[in-house]
Amino acid sequence: MADEPKGPGTSKALLLLAAAAVVIIVIWQLSRMGGGEDEGKTTYAVDATDESGGELIVTEPAPGAVEVDTPDTPMTNVPPTPSPTPAP
């Protein structure tokens, strides 16, 4: 018995299945891009007030604490080192 020719219904079904798959993938990608933006965001807050006009003071100095003076050293860039030449 010879193979019977496939009717037009088979190709239409495959085309509809492919179109449905494309629509599902597009909807899934759009939901990943637009939805749930607030879920992953973390908000950090510091429980401190700015009492010095620009220098942030987080805690009050402890009574009897040792005062430390740090030197004011100017920051300088490290000079670039020449790249090593490959051995012959």
C-alpha atoms as a PDB file:
ATOM      1  CA  MET A   1       0.000   0.000   0.000  1.00  0.00           C
ATOM      2  CA  ALA A   2       1.386   3.410  -0.922  1.00  0.00           C
ATOM      3  CA  ASP A   3       1.657   6.301   1.477  1.00  0.00           C
ATOM      4  CA  GLU A   4      -1.463   8.331   1.471  1.00  0.00           C
ATOM      5  CA  PRO A   5      -0.970  12.043   0.791  1.00  0.00           C
ATOM      6  CA  LYS A   6      -1.322  14.135   3.912  1.00  0.00           C
ATOM      7  CA  GLY A   7      -4.248  16.449   3.960  1.00  0.00           C
ATOM      8  CA  PRO A   8      -4.124  20.191   4.448  1.00  0.00           C
ATOM      9  CA  GLY A   9      -5.160  19.760   8.109  1.00  0.00           C
ATOM     10  CA  THR A  10      -1.748  18.423   9.157  1.00  0.00           C
ATOM     11  CA  SER A  11       0.223  21.419   7.907  1.00  0.00           C
ATOM     12  CA  LYS A  12      -2.297  23.827   9.438  1.00  0.00           C
ATOM     13  CA  ALA A  13      -2.015  22.062  12.795  1.00  0.00           C
ATOM     14  CA  LEU A  14       1.773  22.293  12.734  1.00  0.00           C
ATOM     15  CA  LEU A  15       1.593  25.959  11.776  1.00  0.00           C
ATOM     16  CA  LEU A  16      -0.839  26.697  14.617  1.00  0.00           C
ATOM     17  CA  LEU A  17       1.364  24.775  17.069  1.00  0.00           C
ATOM     18  CA  ALA A  18       4.448  26.746  16.002  1.00  0.00           C
ATOM     19  CA  ALA A  19       2.579  30.057  16.230  1.00  0.00           C
ATOM     20  CA  ALA A  20       1.309  29.174  19.717  1.00  0.00           C
ATOM     21  CA  ALA A  21       4.855  28.301  20.816  1.00  0.00           C
ATOM     22  CA  VAL A  22       6.155  31.646  19.545  1.00  0.00           C
ATOM     23  CA  VAL A  23       3.380  33.548  21.332  1.00  0.00           C
ATOM     24  CA  ILE A  24       4.066  31.690  24.591  1.00  0.00           C
ATOM     25  CA  ILE A  25       7.816  32.423  24.381  1.00  0.00           C
ATOM     26  CA  VAL A  26       7.210  36.121  23.654  1.00  0.00           C
ATOM     27  CA  ILE A  27       4.785  36.442  26.587  1.00  0.00           C
ATOM     28  CA  TRP A  28       7.228  34.649  28.878  1.00  0.00           C
ATOM     29  CA  GLN A  29      10.111  36.944  27.861  1.00  0.00           C
ATOM     30  CA  LEU A  30       7.994  40.077  28.301  1.00  0.00           C
ATOM     31  CA  SER A  31       6.903  38.968  31.757  1.00  0.00           C
ATOM     32  CA  ARG A  32      10.550  38.419  32.743  1.00  0.00           C
ATOM     33  CA  MET A  33      11.541  41.885  31.528  1.00  0.00           C
ATOM     34  CA  GLY A  34       8.685  43.911  32.953  1.00  0.00           C
ATOM     35  CA  GLY A  35       7.369  42.016  35.925  1.00  0.00           C
ATOM     36  CA  GLY A  36       8.872  41.575  39.335  1.00  0.00           C
ATOM     37  CA  GLU A  37      11.157  44.585  39.300  1.00  0.00           C
ATOM     38  CA  ASP A  38      10.444  45.394  42.943  1.00  0.00           C
ATOM     39  CA  GLU A  39      11.074  41.854  44.178  1.00  0.00           C
ATOM     40  CA  GLY A  40      14.855  41.883  43.667  1.00  0.00           C
ATOM     41  CA  LYS A  41      15.556  45.434  44.816  1.00  0.00           C
ATOM     42  CA  THR A  42      17.118  45.865  48.234  1.00  0.00           C
ATOM     43  CA  THR A  43      16.926  49.144  50.056  1.00  0.00           C
ATOM     44  CA  TYR A  44      19.652  50.052  52.524  1.00  0.00           C
ATOM     45  CA  ALA A  45      19.127  52.666  55.231  1.00  0.00           C
ATOM     46  CA  VAL A  46      21.615  54.007  57.760  1.00  0.00           C
ATOM     47  CA  ASP A  47      20.370  54.893  61.201  1.00  0.00           C
ATOM     48  CA  ALA A  48      22.516  58.024  61.500  1.00  0.00           C
ATOM     49  CA  THR A  49      22.186  61.763  61.201  1.00  0.00           C
ATOM     50  CA  ASP A  50      24.545  64.266  59.623  1.00  0.00           C
ATOM     51  CA  GLU A  51      25.447  66.601  62.491  1.00  0.00           C
ATOM     52  CA  SER A  52      28.746  67.957  61.209  1.00  0.00           C
ATOM     53  CA  GLY A  53      27.796  69.701  57.983  1.00  0.00           C
ATOM     54  CA  GLY A  54      29.117  67.017  55.650  1.00  0.00           C
ATOM     55  CA  GLU A  55      31.016  64.504  57.766  1.00  0.00           C
ATOM     56  CA  LEU A  56      28.777  61.574  58.668  1.00  0.00           C
ATOM     57  CA  ILE A  57      28.825  60.750  62.369  1.00  0.00           C
ATOM     58  CA  VAL A  58      27.325  57.319  62.982  1.00  0.00           C
ATOM     59  CA  THR A  59      27.875  56.995  66.738  1.00  0.00           C
ATOM     60  CA  GLU A  60      28.767  59.274  69.584  1.00  0.00           C
ATOM     61  CA  PRO A  61      32.366  58.977  70.824  1.00  0.00           C
ATOM     62  CA  ALA A  62      32.684  56.578  73.733  1.00  0.00           C
ATOM     63  CA  PRO A  63      33.751  58.220  76.993  1.00  0.00           C
ATOM     64  CA  GLY A  64      37.348  57.348  77.863  1.00  0.00           C
ATOM     65  CA  ALA A  65      38.181  56.316  74.293  1.00  0.00           C
ATOM     66  CA  VAL A  66      41.710  56.893  73.034  1.00  0.00           C
ATOM     67  CA  GLU A  67      41.928  59.662  70.450  1.00  0.00           C
ATOM     68  CA  VAL A  68      43.880  58.747  67.323  1.00  0.00           C
ATOM     69  CA  ASP A  69      45.499  61.282  65.010  1.00  0.00           C
ATOM     70  CA  THR A  70      46.020  60.083  61.453  1.00  0.00           C
ATOM     71  CA  PRO A  71      48.505  61.841  59.174  1.00  0.00           C
ATOM     72  CA  ASP A  72      47.225  63.740  56.162  1.00  0.00           C
ATOM     73  CA  THR A  73      49.199  62.027  53.419  1.00  0.00           C
ATOM     74  CA  PRO A  74      48.524  63.129  49.839  1.00  0.00           C
ATOM     75  CA  MET A  75      47.441  60.322  47.560  1.00  0.00           C
ATOM     76  CA  THR A  76      49.611  59.648  44.517  1.00  0.00           C
ATOM     77  CA  ASN A  77      49.170  57.235  41.647  1.00  0.00           C
ATOM     78  CA  VAL A  78      51.530  54.315  41.241  1.00  0.00           C
ATOM     79  CA  PRO A  79      53.761  54.937  38.231  1.00  0.00           C
ATOM     80  CA  PRO A  80      53.065  52.526  35.405  1.00  0.00           C
ATOM     81  CA  THR A  81      55.562  49.699  35.063  1.00  0.00           C
ATOM     82  CA  PRO A  82      56.829  48.812  31.616  1.00  0.00           C
ATOM     83  CA  SER A  83      55.566  45.503  30.358  1.00  0.00           C
ATOM     84  CA  PRO A  84      58.237  42.802  30.265  1.00  0.00           C
ATOM     85  CA  THR A  85      59.714  42.032  26.889  1.00  0.00           C
ATOM     86  CA  PRO A  86      59.393  38.408  25.778  1.00  0.00           C
ATOM     87  CA  ALA A  87      62.550  36.342  25.758  1.00  0.00           C
ATOM     88  CA  PRO A  88      63.859  35.505  22.258  1.00  0.00           C
END
